[in-house]
């Protein structure tokens, strides 16, 4: 006995499109393979619910199903709304005493069967409907959404990371310069498409962890570099980090806070281009009192540094 698709989704035959969609989503979440790992019964139920929605969620297919033109699997039944079903106790062929109705001519002039059955039943066999195969068209499977957390350096340089997708480990190539919130599309790794349709995709949202001292500005990597008053006045060499390792940087004598140094080619490199590392100097004053420094500064001549 064929199952009733409305019962599968738990809705009435008069349910609206919104009610049908809502019922399907609720059941799909309940029986989804990712939620019910290694549960064949849940997997079968998920497939049953998906097939039911494939028909009831499509206005044209639902009408055909309600008219008994297709069955619960979407296959043509050979009978339409004007078919053989639904006869009552009255004479189904007419009331004029002629069992074939007034359309029949005994002189052999012919009989118009469409006056009894309608044109629809003959169109079932004409190749225009019913057996044309259009009732079960392939449809792309649903997309799946996943989230991956990534450290700043891996996102900046690019990396290959493993993630479990539908209970399978998948290696994903992270492009260099990936930013927080960026979504990668993995083609064909989503749910299988109904009726041999193509698989859906996986939408992988990347969450990039904040770095303690790096930040991004397009392809450029920003770094705020603390320097002492001595380094600022006398200059010197300072070791600084980059996303590809540490390098030595020359601090010019008499540098000021806010001055910027550029390390060419030490930023993000991808198909869009090559960025730099931008170093912003920040002078830190001594944390403890220093009487010698205070005397030196007190004896320095005043210099005009403000124009207001």
C-alpha atoms as a PDB file:
ATOM      1  CA  UNK A   1       0.000   0.000   0.000  1.00  0.00           C
ATOM      2  CA  UNK A   2       1.344   3.367  -0.976  1.00  0.00           C
ATOM      3  CA  UNK A   3       2.143   5.746   1.857  1.00  0.00           C
ATOM      4  CA  UNK A   4       0.478   9.119   2.122  1.00  0.00           C
ATOM      5  CA  UNK A   5       3.028  11.908   1.620  1.00  0.00           C
ATOM      6  CA  UNK A   6       1.043  14.300   3.791  1.00  0.00           C
ATOM      7  CA  UNK A   7       1.244  11.792   6.640  1.00  0.00           C
ATOM      8  CA  UNK A   8       5.004  11.454   6.089  1.00  0.00           C
ATOM      9  CA  UNK A   9       5.444  15.199   6.709  1.00  0.00           C
ATOM     10  CA  UNK A  10       2.740  15.237   9.395  1.00  0.00           C
ATOM     11  CA  UNK A  11       0.576  17.863   7.706  1.00  0.00           C
ATOM     12  CA  UNK A  12      -2.985  17.971   6.413  1.00  0.00           C
ATOM     13  CA  UNK A  13      -3.886  17.832   2.737  1.00  0.00           C
ATOM     14  CA  UNK A  14      -4.935  21.491   2.972  1.00  0.00           C
ATOM     15  CA  UNK A  15      -1.568  22.606   4.403  1.00  0.00           C
ATOM     16  CA  UNK A  16      -0.061  25.766   2.952  1.00  0.00           C
ATOM     17  CA  UNK A  17       3.330  25.866   1.207  1.00  0.00           C
ATOM     18  CA  UNK A  18       4.794  27.535   4.307  1.00  0.00           C
ATOM     19  CA  UNK A  19       3.436  24.819   6.601  1.00  0.00           C
ATOM     20  CA  UNK A  20       4.842  22.089   4.356  1.00  0.00           C
ATOM     21  CA  UNK A  21       8.264  23.727   4.207  1.00  0.00           C
ATOM     22  CA  UNK A  22       8.307  24.248   7.983  1.00  0.00           C
ATOM     23  CA  UNK A  23       7.359  20.618   8.643  1.00  0.00           C
ATOM     24  CA  UNK A  24      10.046  19.372   6.253  1.00  0.00           C
ATOM     25  CA  UNK A  25      12.790  21.483   7.835  1.00  0.00           C
ATOM     26  CA  UNK A  26      11.849  20.272  11.317  1.00  0.00           C
ATOM     27  CA  UNK A  27      11.936  16.615  10.276  1.00  0.00           C
ATOM     28  CA  UNK A  28      15.093  17.051   8.179  1.00  0.00           C
ATOM     29  CA  UNK A  29      16.924  18.442  11.197  1.00  0.00           C
ATOM     30  CA  UNK A  30      15.625  15.605  13.368  1.00  0.00           C
ATOM     31  CA  UNK A  31      16.648  12.777  11.034  1.00  0.00           C
ATOM     32  CA  UNK A  32      19.718  14.364   9.392  1.00  0.00           C
ATOM     33  CA  UNK A  33      22.676  11.895   9.067  1.00  0.00           C
ATOM     34  CA  UNK A  34      24.997  14.335  10.834  1.00  0.00           C
ATOM     35  CA  UNK A  35      22.744  14.192  13.904  1.00  0.00           C
ATOM     36  CA  UNK A  36      22.101  10.449  13.706  1.00  0.00           C
ATOM     37  CA  UNK A  37      25.461   8.901  12.964  1.00  0.00           C
ATOM     38  CA  UNK A  38      25.396   5.242  11.862  1.00  0.00           C
ATOM     39  CA  UNK A  39      21.609   5.127  12.301  1.00  0.00           C
ATOM     40  CA  UNK A  40      20.128   3.391   9.262  1.00  0.00           C
ATOM     41  CA  UNK A  41      16.551   3.880  10.439  1.00  0.00           C
ATOM     42  CA  UNK A  42      17.075   7.641  10.731  1.00  0.00           C
ATOM     43  CA  UNK A  43      18.821   7.712   7.336  1.00  0.00           C
ATOM     44  CA  UNK A  44      15.853   5.921   5.718  1.00  0.00           C
ATOM     45  CA  UNK A  45      13.452   8.306   7.404  1.00  0.00           C
ATOM     46  CA  UNK A  46      15.498  11.308   6.200  1.00  0.00           C
ATOM     47  CA  UNK A  47      15.314   9.971   2.645  1.00  0.00           C
ATOM     48  CA  UNK A  48      11.562   9.382   2.955  1.00  0.00           C
ATOM     49  CA  UNK A  49      10.968  12.903   4.262  1.00  0.00           C
ATOM     50  CA  UNK A  50      13.149  14.412   1.511  1.00  0.00           C
ATOM     51  CA  UNK A  51      11.270  12.501  -1.216  1.00  0.00           C
ATOM     52  CA  UNK A  52       7.936  13.619   0.236  1.00  0.00           C
ATOM     53  CA  UNK A  53       9.022  17.258   0.208  1.00  0.00           C
ATOM     54  CA  UNK A  54      10.383  16.895  -3.331  1.00  0.00           C
ATOM     55  CA  UNK A  55       6.785  16.327  -4.448  1.00  0.00           C
ATOM     56  CA  UNK A  56       4.691  18.340  -1.974  1.00  0.00           C
ATOM     57  CA  UNK A  57       7.153  21.234  -1.986  1.00  0.00           C
ATOM     58  CA  UNK A  58       6.689  21.620  -5.754  1.00  0.00           C
ATOM     59  CA  UNK A  59       3.377  23.212  -6.742  1.00  0.00           C
ATOM     60  CA  UNK A  60       3.092  21.354 -10.060  1.00  0.00           C
ATOM     61  CA  UNK A  61       4.068  17.964  -8.619  1.00  0.00           C
ATOM     62  CA  UNK A  62       1.760  18.412  -5.645  1.00  0.00           C
ATOM     63  CA  UNK A  63      -1.177  19.061  -7.935  1.00  0.00           C
ATOM     64  CA  UNK A  64      -0.386  15.939  -9.932  1.00  0.00           C
ATOM     65  CA  UNK A  65      -0.092  13.925  -6.727  1.00  0.00           C
ATOM     66  CA  UNK A  66      -3.430  15.253  -5.445  1.00  0.00           C
ATOM     67  CA  UNK A  67      -5.010  14.369  -8.812  1.00  0.00           C
ATOM     68  CA  UNK A  68      -3.585  10.835  -8.618  1.00  0.00           C
ATOM     69  CA  UNK A  69      -1.465  11.476 -11.720  1.00  0.00           C
ATOM     70  CA  UNK A  70       1.738  10.469  -9.903  1.00  0.00           C
ATOM     71  CA  UNK A  71       2.291   8.170  -6.939  1.00  0.00           C
ATOM     72  CA  UNK A  72       4.233   8.766  -3.716  1.00  0.00           C
ATOM     73  CA  UNK A  73       7.487   8.064  -5.589  1.00  0.00           C
ATOM     74  CA  UNK A  74       6.641  10.583  -8.286  1.00  0.00           C
ATOM     75  CA  UNK A  75       6.004   7.898 -10.874  1.00  0.00           C
ATOM     76  CA  UNK A  76       3.094   8.300 -13.321  1.00  0.00           C
ATOM     77  CA  UNK A  77      -0.008   6.329 -12.350  1.00  0.00           C
ATOM     78  CA  UNK A  78      -1.686   6.467 -15.754  1.00  0.00           C
ATOM     79  CA  UNK A  79      -4.751   8.073 -14.220  1.00  0.00           C
ATOM     80  CA  UNK A  80      -5.551  11.753 -13.911  1.00  0.00           C
ATOM     81  CA  UNK A  81      -8.223  13.846 -12.292  1.00  0.00           C
ATOM     82  CA  UNK A  82     -10.608  12.751 -15.044  1.00  0.00           C
ATOM     83  CA  UNK A  83      -9.751   9.032 -14.759  1.00  0.00           C
ATOM     84  CA  UNK A  84     -11.743   6.030 -13.521  1.00  0.00           C
ATOM     85  CA  UNK A  85     -11.804   6.832  -9.800  1.00  0.00           C
ATOM     86  CA  UNK A  86     -14.580   8.504  -7.847  1.00  0.00           C
ATOM     87  CA  UNK A  87     -17.698   6.857  -9.371  1.00  0.00           C
ATOM     88  CA  UNK A  88     -20.864   7.122  -7.286  1.00  0.00           C
ATOM     89  CA  UNK A  89     -23.928   4.905  -7.318  1.00  0.00           C
ATOM     90  CA  UNK A  90     -25.498   6.825 -10.185  1.00  0.00           C
ATOM     91  CA  UNK A  91     -25.041   5.931 -13.821  1.00  0.00           C
ATOM     92  CA  UNK A  92     -21.529   7.120 -14.685  1.00  0.00           C
ATOM     93  CA  UNK A  93     -22.241   7.165 -18.403  1.00  0.00           C
ATOM     94  CA  UNK A  94     -25.278   9.418 -18.634  1.00  0.00           C
ATOM     95  CA  UNK A  95     -28.958   9.636 -17.854  1.00  0.00           C
ATOM     96  CA  UNK A  96     -30.606   9.289 -21.261  1.00  0.00           C
ATOM     97  CA  UNK A  97     -30.946   5.526 -21.112  1.00  0.00           C
ATOM     98  CA  UNK A  98     -27.961   5.014 -23.343  1.00  0.00           C
ATOM     99  CA  UNK A  99     -25.117   3.498 -21.253  1.00  0.00           C
ATOM    100  CA  UNK A 100     -22.607   5.414 -23.365  1.00  0.00           C
ATOM    101  CA  UNK A 101     -24.428   8.753 -23.146  1.00  0.00           C
ATOM    102  CA  UNK A 102     -25.795  10.924 -25.893  1.00  0.00           C
ATOM    103  CA  UNK A 103     -22.433  11.190 -27.566  1.00  0.00           C
ATOM    104  CA  UNK A 104     -22.637   7.640 -28.952  1.00  0.00           C
ATOM    105  CA  UNK A 105     -23.984   7.101 -32.494  1.00  0.00           C
ATOM    106  CA  UNK A 106     -25.095   3.546 -33.346  1.00  0.00           C
ATOM    107  CA  UNK A 107     -24.845   4.198 -37.080  1.00  0.00           C
ATOM    108  CA  UNK A 108     -21.075   3.915 -36.864  1.00  0.00           C
ATOM    109  CA  UNK A 109     -20.461   7.605 -37.259  1.00  0.00           C
ATOM    110  CA  UNK A 110     -18.127   7.369 -34.296  1.00  0.00           C
ATOM    111  CA  UNK A 111     -18.100   8.105 -30.618  1.00  0.00           C
ATOM    112  CA  UNK A 112     -16.343  10.953 -28.841  1.00  0.00           C
ATOM    113  CA  UNK A 113     -14.809   9.269 -25.783  1.00  0.00           C
ATOM    114  CA  UNK A 114     -13.596  12.602 -24.508  1.00  0.00           C
ATOM    115  CA  UNK A 115     -17.213  13.458 -23.701  1.00  0.00           C
ATOM    116  CA  UNK A 116     -17.079  10.794 -20.971  1.00  0.00           C
ATOM    117  CA  UNK A 117     -13.456  10.644 -19.882  1.00  0.00           C
ATOM    118  CA  UNK A 118     -12.122  14.020 -20.970  1.00  0.00           C
ATOM    119  CA  UNK A 119      -9.060  14.688 -23.058  1.00  0.00           C
ATOM    120  CA  UNK A 120      -6.771  14.197 -20.069  1.00  0.00           C
ATOM    121  CA  UNK A 121      -6.815  10.407 -19.981  1.00  0.00           C
ATOM    122  CA  UNK A 122      -5.677  10.121 -23.601  1.00  0.00           C
ATOM    123  CA  UNK A 123      -2.938  12.656 -23.124  1.00  0.00           C
ATOM    124  CA  UNK A 124      -1.501  10.303 -20.506  1.00  0.00           C
ATOM    125  CA  UNK A 125      -0.478   7.982 -23.322  1.00  0.00           C
ATOM    126  CA  UNK A 126       0.368  10.543 -25.963  1.00  0.00           C
ATOM    127  CA  UNK A 127       3.920  11.182 -24.792  1.00  0.00           C
ATOM    128  CA  UNK A 128       3.075  14.731 -23.731  1.00  0.00           C
ATOM    129  CA  UNK A 129       2.420  13.847 -20.088  1.00  0.00           C
ATOM    130  CA  UNK A 130       2.573  10.994 -17.633  1.00  0.00           C
ATOM    131  CA  UNK A 131       5.303   8.857 -19.210  1.00  0.00           C
ATOM    132  CA  UNK A 132       7.538  11.680 -20.372  1.00  0.00           C
ATOM    133  CA  UNK A 133       9.738  11.400 -17.273  1.00  0.00           C
ATOM    134  CA  UNK A 134       9.277  15.049 -16.352  1.00  0.00           C
ATOM    135  CA  UNK A 135       7.659  14.171 -13.016  1.00  0.00           C
ATOM    136  CA  UNK A 136      11.002  13.076 -11.541  1.00  0.00           C
ATOM    137  CA  UNK A 137      13.492  15.658 -12.645  1.00  0.00           C
ATOM    138  CA  UNK A 138      16.947  15.617 -11.073  1.00  0.00           C
ATOM    139  CA  UNK A 139      17.432  18.295  -8.429  1.00  0.00           C
ATOM    140  CA  UNK A 140      20.587  19.584  -6.772  1.00  0.00           C
ATOM    141  CA  UNK A 141      21.107  18.410  -3.204  1.00  0.00           C
ATOM    142  CA  UNK A 142      21.002  20.766  -0.228  1.00  0.00           C
ATOM    143  CA  UNK A 143      24.091  22.693   0.865  1.00  0.00           C
ATOM    144  CA  UNK A 144      25.658  22.058   4.269  1.00  0.00           C
ATOM    145  CA  UNK A 145      27.144  24.742   6.533  1.00  0.00           C
ATOM    146  CA  UNK A 146      30.277  24.220   8.627  1.00  0.00           C
ATOM    147  CA  UNK A 147      32.588  26.477  10.657  1.00  0.00           C
ATOM    148  CA  UNK A 148      36.371  26.205  10.997  1.00  0.00           C
ATOM    149  CA  UNK A 149      38.537  28.081  13.505  1.00  0.00           C
ATOM    150  CA  UNK A 150      41.943  29.096  12.193  1.00  0.00           C
ATOM    151  CA  UNK A 151      44.992  30.789  13.695  1.00  0.00           C
ATOM    152  CA  UNK A 152      46.064  34.135  12.230  1.00  0.00           C
ATOM    153  CA  UNK A 153      49.318  32.903  10.655  1.00  0.00           C
ATOM    154  CA  UNK A 154      47.641  29.971   8.853  1.00  0.00           C
ATOM    155  CA  UNK A 155      44.976  32.314   7.490  1.00  0.00           C
ATOM    156  CA  UNK A 156      47.576  34.874   6.408  1.00  0.00           C
ATOM    157  CA  UNK A 157      50.014  32.450   4.756  1.00  0.00           C
ATOM    158  CA  UNK A 158      47.507  29.858   3.586  1.00  0.00           C
ATOM    159  CA  UNK A 159      47.414  26.288   4.827  1.00  0.00           C
ATOM    160  CA  UNK A 160      45.879  22.855   4.360  1.00  0.00           C
ATOM    161  CA  UNK A 161      43.620  21.815   7.217  1.00  0.00           C
ATOM    162  CA  UNK A 162      41.512  18.723   7.890  1.00  0.00           C
ATOM    163  CA  UNK A 163      37.824  18.920   8.837  1.00  0.00           C
ATOM    164  CA  UNK A 164      35.137  16.254   9.373  1.00  0.00           C
ATOM    165  CA  UNK A 165      32.372  16.602   6.772  1.00  0.00           C
ATOM    166  CA  UNK A 166      29.533  14.072   6.975  1.00  0.00           C
ATOM    167  CA  UNK A 167      31.702  11.875   9.211  1.00  0.00           C
ATOM    168  CA  UNK A 168      34.592  11.901   6.748  1.00  0.00           C
ATOM    169  CA  UNK A 169      37.929  13.725   7.134  1.00  0.00           C
ATOM    170  CA  UNK A 170      38.387  16.205   4.288  1.00  0.00           C
ATOM    171  CA  UNK A 171      41.553  18.202   3.590  1.00  0.00           C
ATOM    172  CA  UNK A 172      40.718  21.814   2.799  1.00  0.00           C
ATOM    173  CA  UNK A 173      43.142  24.273   1.195  1.00  0.00           C
ATOM    174  CA  UNK A 174      42.900  27.655   2.915  1.00  0.00           C
ATOM    175  CA  UNK A 175      43.942  30.486   0.534  1.00  0.00           C
ATOM    176  CA  UNK A 176      46.534  32.968   1.798  1.00  0.00           C
ATOM    177  CA  UNK A 177      44.967  36.176   3.025  1.00  0.00           C
ATOM    178  CA  UNK A 178      41.755  34.532   4.271  1.00  0.00           C
ATOM    179  CA  UNK A 179      39.952  36.914   6.625  1.00  0.00           C
ATOM    180  CA  UNK A 180      37.611  36.370   9.551  1.00  0.00           C
ATOM    181  CA  UNK A 181      34.065  35.551   8.426  1.00  0.00           C
ATOM    182  CA  UNK A 182      35.074  34.558   4.889  1.00  0.00           C
ATOM    183  CA  UNK A 183      33.123  31.620   3.440  1.00  0.00           C
ATOM    184  CA  UNK A 184      34.718  28.969   1.252  1.00  0.00           C
ATOM    185  CA  UNK A 185      32.530  26.857  -1.069  1.00  0.00           C
ATOM    186  CA  UNK A 186      33.468  23.183  -1.389  1.00  0.00           C
ATOM    187  CA  UNK A 187      31.781  22.002  -4.572  1.00  0.00           C
ATOM    188  CA  UNK A 188      29.850  18.725  -4.529  1.00  0.00           C
ATOM    189  CA  UNK A 189      30.441  17.885  -0.856  1.00  0.00           C
ATOM    190  CA  UNK A 190      26.894  18.586   0.327  1.00  0.00           C
ATOM    191  CA  UNK A 191      23.867  16.287   0.391  1.00  0.00           C
ATOM    192  CA  UNK A 192      23.086  13.990  -2.529  1.00  0.00           C
ATOM    193  CA  UNK A 193      20.636  15.374  -5.076  1.00  0.00           C
ATOM    194  CA  UNK A 194      17.193  13.722  -5.386  1.00  0.00           C
ATOM    195  CA  UNK A 195      16.572  11.716  -8.555  1.00  0.00           C
ATOM    196  CA  UNK A 196      20.284  11.403  -9.348  1.00  0.00           C
ATOM    197  CA  UNK A 197      20.743  15.169  -9.272  1.00  0.00           C
ATOM    198  CA  UNK A 198      24.133  16.740  -8.476  1.00  0.00           C
ATOM    199  CA  UNK A 199      25.338  16.955  -4.897  1.00  0.00           C
ATOM    200  CA  UNK A 200      24.979  20.177  -2.970  1.00  0.00           C
ATOM    201  CA  UNK A 201      27.998  22.127  -1.713  1.00  0.00           C
ATOM    202  CA  UNK A 202      29.586  22.710   1.661  1.00  0.00           C
ATOM    203  CA  UNK A 203      29.742  26.336   2.803  1.00  0.00           C
ATOM    204  CA  UNK A 204      32.722  26.599   5.140  1.00  0.00           C
ATOM    205  CA  UNK A 205      32.853  29.797   7.228  1.00  0.00           C
ATOM    206  CA  UNK A 206      36.336  30.644   8.533  1.00  0.00           C
ATOM    207  CA  UNK A 207      36.731  32.140  12.009  1.00  0.00           C
ATOM    208  CA  UNK A 208      40.225  33.637  12.309  1.00  0.00           C
ATOM    209  CA  UNK A 209      41.651  33.995  15.815  1.00  0.00           C
ATOM    210  CA  UNK A 210      43.007  37.424  16.731  1.00  0.00           C
ATOM    211  CA  UNK A 211      46.786  37.756  16.883  1.00  0.00           C
ATOM    212  CA  UNK A 212      48.458  39.429  19.878  1.00  0.00           C
ATOM    213  CA  UNK A 213      50.332  41.963  17.723  1.00  0.00           C
ATOM    214  CA  UNK A 214      49.546  41.477  14.000  1.00  0.00           C
ATOM    215  CA  UNK A 215      46.560  42.871  12.108  1.00  0.00           C
ATOM    216  CA  UNK A 216      45.621  43.011   8.428  1.00  0.00           C
ATOM    217  CA  UNK A 217      45.009  45.921   6.074  1.00  0.00           C
ATOM    218  CA  UNK A 218      44.270  44.333   2.710  1.00  0.00           C
ATOM    219  CA  UNK A 219      47.462  42.539   1.707  1.00  0.00           C
ATOM    220  CA  UNK A 220      49.551  44.485   4.243  1.00  0.00           C
ATOM    221  CA  UNK A 221      50.351  43.206   7.721  1.00  0.00           C
ATOM    222  CA  UNK A 222      50.439  45.839  10.462  1.00  0.00           C
ATOM    223  CA  UNK A 223      52.693  45.722  13.531  1.00  0.00           C
ATOM    224  CA  UNK A 224      53.026  48.265  16.321  1.00  0.00           C
ATOM    225  CA  UNK A 225      56.658  48.220  17.544  1.00  0.00           C
ATOM    226  CA  UNK A 226      57.469  49.524  21.036  1.00  0.00           C
ATOM    227  CA  UNK A 227      60.904  51.214  21.283  1.00  0.00           C
ATOM    228  CA  UNK A 228      62.755  52.848  24.185  1.00  0.00           C
ATOM    229  CA  UNK A 229      63.701  56.504  24.371  1.00  0.00           C
ATOM    230  CA  UNK A 230      67.310  55.475  23.868  1.00  0.00           C
ATOM    231  CA  UNK A 231      66.457  53.566  20.683  1.00  0.00           C
ATOM    232  CA  UNK A 232      64.334  56.443  19.481  1.00  0.00           C
ATOM    233  CA  UNK A 233      67.115  59.035  19.949  1.00  0.00           C
ATOM    234  CA  UNK A 234      70.230  57.024  19.126  1.00  0.00           C
ATOM    235  CA  UNK A 235      68.695  54.567  16.699  1.00  0.00           C
ATOM    236  CA  UNK A 236      69.638  50.902  16.584  1.00  0.00           C
ATOM    237  CA  UNK A 237      68.843  47.438  15.337  1.00  0.00           C
ATOM    238  CA  UNK A 238      65.728  45.658  16.575  1.00  0.00           C
ATOM    239  CA  UNK A 239      64.493  42.134  15.878  1.00  0.00           C
ATOM    240  CA  UNK A 240      60.856  42.127  14.773  1.00  0.00           C
ATOM    241  CA  UNK A 241      58.426  39.307  13.888  1.00  0.00           C
ATOM    242  CA  UNK A 242      56.822  38.815  10.479  1.00  0.00           C
ATOM    243  CA  UNK A 243      54.304  36.203   9.338  1.00  0.00           C
ATOM    244  CA  UNK A 244      57.198  34.284   7.773  1.00  0.00           C
ATOM    245  CA  UNK A 245      59.727  34.615  10.620  1.00  0.00           C
ATOM    246  CA  UNK A 246      61.855  37.162  12.469  1.00  0.00           C
ATOM    247  CA  UNK A 247      63.989  39.811  10.729  1.00  0.00           C
ATOM    248  CA  UNK A 248      66.342  42.630  11.813  1.00  0.00           C
ATOM    249  CA  UNK A 249      65.155  46.220  11.399  1.00  0.00           C
ATOM    250  CA  UNK A 250      67.137  49.486  11.633  1.00  0.00           C
ATOM    251  CA  UNK A 251      65.542  52.174  13.787  1.00  0.00           C
ATOM    252  CA  UNK A 252      66.615  55.613  12.471  1.00  0.00           C
ATOM    253  CA  UNK A 253      68.079  58.026  15.069  1.00  0.00           C
ATOM    254  CA  UNK A 254      65.660  60.623  16.427  1.00  0.00           C
ATOM    255  CA  UNK A 255      62.569  58.622  15.518  1.00  0.00           C
ATOM    256  CA  UNK A 256      59.163  59.749  16.739  1.00  0.00           C
ATOM    257  CA  UNK A 257      56.109  57.801  17.847  1.00  0.00           C
ATOM    258  CA  UNK A 258      53.807  57.187  14.904  1.00  0.00           C
ATOM    259  CA  UNK A 259      56.585  56.996  12.313  1.00  0.00           C
ATOM    260  CA  UNK A 260      56.223  54.023   9.971  1.00  0.00           C
ATOM    261  CA  UNK A 261      58.754  51.620   8.545  1.00  0.00           C
ATOM    262  CA  UNK A 262      57.968  49.374   5.575  1.00  0.00           C
ATOM    263  CA  UNK A 263      59.281  45.831   5.107  1.00  0.00           C
ATOM    264  CA  UNK A 264      58.800  45.111   1.402  1.00  0.00           C
ATOM    265  CA  UNK A 265      57.309  41.739   0.517  1.00  0.00           C
ATOM    266  CA  UNK A 266      56.646  40.688   4.111  1.00  0.00           C
ATOM    267  CA  UNK A 267      52.859  40.878   3.856  1.00  0.00           C
ATOM    268  CA  UNK A 268      50.240  38.632   2.233  1.00  0.00           C
ATOM    269  CA  UNK A 269      51.109  37.032  -1.089  1.00  0.00           C
ATOM    270  CA  UNK A 270      48.334  35.642  -3.279  1.00  0.00           C
ATOM    271  CA  UNK A 271      46.859  35.986  -6.769  1.00  0.00           C
ATOM    272  CA  UNK A 272      45.839  39.572  -5.959  1.00  0.00           C
ATOM    273  CA  UNK A 273      49.432  40.653  -5.387  1.00  0.00           C
ATOM    274  CA  UNK A 274      52.142  41.022  -2.756  1.00  0.00           C
ATOM    275  CA  UNK A 275      51.733  43.049   0.426  1.00  0.00           C
ATOM    276  CA  UNK A 276      54.259  44.527   2.870  1.00  0.00           C
ATOM    277  CA  UNK A 277      54.625  44.667   6.612  1.00  0.00           C
ATOM    278  CA  UNK A 278      53.981  48.147   7.985  1.00  0.00           C
ATOM    279  CA  UNK A 279      55.706  48.874  11.305  1.00  0.00           C
ATOM    280  CA  UNK A 280      54.432  51.763  13.406  1.00  0.00           C
ATOM    281  CA  UNK A 281      56.901  52.981  16.047  1.00  0.00           C
ATOM    282  CA  UNK A 282      55.692  53.636  19.584  1.00  0.00           C
ATOM    283  CA  UNK A 283      58.110  55.262  22.054  1.00  0.00           C
ATOM    284  CA  UNK A 284      57.802  54.053  25.633  1.00  0.00           C
ATOM    285  CA  UNK A 285      59.106  56.215  28.491  1.00  0.00           C
ATOM    286  CA  UNK A 286      60.917  54.595  31.418  1.00  0.00           C
ATOM    287  CA  UNK A 287      58.631  52.973  33.985  1.00  0.00           C
ATOM    288  CA  UNK A 288      60.851  53.930  36.944  1.00  0.00           C
ATOM    289  CA  UNK A 289      62.181  57.371  38.014  1.00  0.00           C
ATOM    290  CA  UNK A 290      65.661  58.138  36.611  1.00  0.00           C
ATOM    291  CA  UNK A 291      67.317  61.194  38.118  1.00  0.00           C
ATOM    292  CA  UNK A 292      70.189  61.168  35.620  1.00  0.00           C
ATOM    293  CA  UNK A 293      67.781  61.184  32.685  1.00  0.00           C
ATOM    294  CA  UNK A 294      65.758  63.909  34.315  1.00  0.00           C
ATOM    295  CA  UNK A 295      68.860  66.144  34.693  1.00  0.00           C
ATOM    296  CA  UNK A 296      69.856  65.595  31.072  1.00  0.00           C
ATOM    297  CA  UNK A 297      66.398  66.470  29.837  1.00  0.00           C
ATOM    298  CA  UNK A 298      66.174  69.503  32.122  1.00  0.00           C
ATOM    299  CA  UNK A 299      69.365  70.927  30.599  1.00  0.00           C
ATOM    300  CA  UNK A 300      68.265  70.427  27.024  1.00  0.00           C
ATOM    301  CA  UNK A 301      67.352  73.610  25.126  1.00  0.00           C
ATOM    302  CA  UNK A 302      63.697  74.121  24.396  1.00  0.00           C
ATOM    303  CA  UNK A 303      62.621  73.320  20.858  1.00  0.00           C
ATOM    304  CA  UNK A 304      59.482  74.607  19.169  1.00  0.00           C
ATOM    305  CA  UNK A 305      57.397  71.507  18.479  1.00  0.00           C
ATOM    306  CA  UNK A 306      53.887  72.990  18.441  1.00  0.00           C
ATOM    307  CA  UNK A 307      52.436  75.451  15.967  1.00  0.00           C
ATOM    308  CA  UNK A 308      49.341  76.394  17.901  1.00  0.00           C
END
